[in-house]
């Protein structure tokens, strides 16, 4: 949507009467318009490629159920790691007493 907006802005600038009066301004706006159109087509290609990749991932997930289970285990492990990391950070902020150091080591 952002690149579509940039293309609209550049085309609106091209239709500005100032472009007819100032050749240097017309040259800059034309270059800007070309760049925005190229950026929009590149972004559209990325979106299409991403959608194709997503579809392939779904196909592989149904063909290889173990892959899907591995992804779920990884996500669970990542959540556990983040939870434990926040505990470690909490204990590191506390005063270094015997029980806190024991829990931190654990």
Protein backbone atom coordinates (compact mmCIF):
# COMPACT_ATOMS: atom_id res chain seq x y z
CA UNK A 1 0.00 0.00 0.00
CA UNK A 2 2.88 2.34 0.77
CA UNK A 3 4.49 1.85 -2.64
CA UNK A 4 1.10 2.33 -4.33
CA UNK A 5 0.75 5.62 -2.46
CA UNK A 6 4.23 6.68 -3.57
CA UNK A 7 3.32 5.91 -7.19
CA UNK A 8 0.14 8.00 -6.85
CA UNK A 9 2.10 10.91 -5.36
CA UNK A 10 4.65 10.78 -8.16
CA UNK A 11 1.97 10.68 -10.84
CA UNK A 12 0.18 13.59 -9.16
CA UNK A 13 3.44 15.53 -9.17
CA UNK A 14 3.85 14.83 -12.89
CA UNK A 15 0.45 16.37 -13.57
CA UNK A 16 1.40 19.51 -11.62
CA UNK A 17 1.49 22.65 -13.81
CA UNK A 18 4.88 23.52 -12.34
CA UNK A 19 6.36 20.63 -14.35
CA UNK A 20 5.40 22.42 -17.56
CA UNK A 21 7.08 25.63 -16.43
CA UNK A 22 10.30 24.21 -14.96
CA UNK A 23 12.16 21.62 -17.09
CA UNK A 24 14.53 20.77 -14.25
CA UNK A 25 11.59 20.06 -11.93
CA UNK A 26 9.98 17.91 -14.64
CA UNK A 27 13.22 15.94 -14.96
CA UNK A 28 13.40 15.31 -11.19
CA UNK A 29 9.73 14.34 -10.93
CA UNK A 30 10.03 12.02 -13.94
CA UNK A 31 13.02 10.29 -12.32
CA UNK A 32 11.09 10.03 -9.05
CA UNK A 33 8.06 8.61 -10.87
CA UNK A 34 10.19 6.01 -12.62
CA UNK A 35 11.83 5.00 -9.36
CA UNK A 36 8.50 4.68 -7.56
CA UNK A 37 7.04 2.54 -10.34
CA UNK A 38 10.10 0.27 -10.25
CA UNK A 39 9.86 0.03 -6.47
CA UNK A 40 6.17 -0.85 -6.71
CA UNK A 41 6.78 -3.62 -9.23
CA UNK A 42 9.66 -4.96 -7.10
CA UNK A 43 7.44 -4.97 -3.99
CA UNK A 44 4.70 -6.74 -5.92
CA UNK A 45 7.18 -9.42 -6.99
CA UNK A 46 8.26 -9.86 -3.36
CA UNK A 47 4.64 -10.26 -2.25
CA UNK A 48 3.94 -12.80 -4.98
CA UNK A 49 7.12 -14.70 -4.13
CA UNK A 50 6.20 -14.71 -0.44
CA UNK A 51 2.73 -16.07 -1.18
CA UNK A 52 4.22 -18.83 -3.32
CA UNK A 53 6.68 -19.74 -0.55
CA UNK A 54 3.87 -19.83 2.00
CA UNK A 55 1.92 -22.24 -0.20
CA UNK A 56 4.96 -24.49 -0.62
CA UNK A 57 5.50 -24.52 3.14
CA UNK A 58 1.94 -25.72 3.67
CA UNK A 59 2.45 -28.48 1.11
CA UNK A 60 5.63 -29.64 2.82
CA UNK A 61 3.96 -29.51 6.21
CA UNK A 62 1.28 -31.92 5.08
CA UNK A 63 3.80 -34.19 3.31
CA UNK A 64 6.27 -34.22 6.19
CA UNK A 65 4.36 -34.18 9.49
CA UNK A 66 7.62 -34.56 11.40
CA UNK A 67 8.69 -31.17 10.02
CA UNK A 68 5.57 -29.58 11.44
CA UNK A 69 6.22 -31.21 14.82
CA UNK A 70 9.83 -29.97 14.79
CA UNK A 71 8.64 -26.43 14.12
CA UNK A 72 6.19 -26.68 17.04
CA UNK A 73 8.91 -28.04 19.35
CA UNK A 74 11.21 -25.21 18.31
CA UNK A 75 8.54 -22.62 19.05
CA UNK A 76 7.88 -24.20 22.46
CA UNK A 77 11.60 -24.29 23.26
CA UNK A 78 11.97 -20.67 22.19
CA UNK A 79 9.11 -19.65 24.50
CA UNK A 80 10.72 -21.60 27.37
CA UNK A 81 14.06 -19.93 26.69
CA UNK A 82 12.51 -16.46 26.73
CA UNK A 83 10.68 -17.23 29.97
CA UNK A 84 13.85 -18.49 31.65
CA UNK A 85 15.90 -15.60 30.28
CA UNK A 86 13.49 -13.13 31.89
CA UNK A 87 13.87 -15.00 35.20
CA UNK A 88 17.66 -14.78 34.95
CA UNK A 89 17.47 -11.07 34.23
CA UNK A 90 15.16 -10.61 37.24
CA UNK A 91 17.59 -12.44 39.54
CA UNK A 92 20.57 -10.50 38.14
CA UNK A 93 18.86 -7.22 39.07
CA UNK A 94 18.31 -8.33 42.68
CA UNK A 95 20.84 -7.98 45.46
CA UNK A 96 23.43 -10.75 45.38
CA UNK A 97 22.53 -12.80 48.46
CA UNK A 98 22.94 -16.52 49.03
CA UNK A 99 19.42 -17.61 47.98
CA UNK A 100 19.40 -15.30 44.95
CA UNK A 101 22.80 -16.60 43.79
CA UNK A 102 21.61 -20.19 44.25
CA UNK A 103 18.49 -19.54 42.18
CA UNK A 104 20.52 -17.71 39.56
CA UNK A 105 22.94 -20.62 39.29
CA UNK A 106 20.03 -23.04 39.05
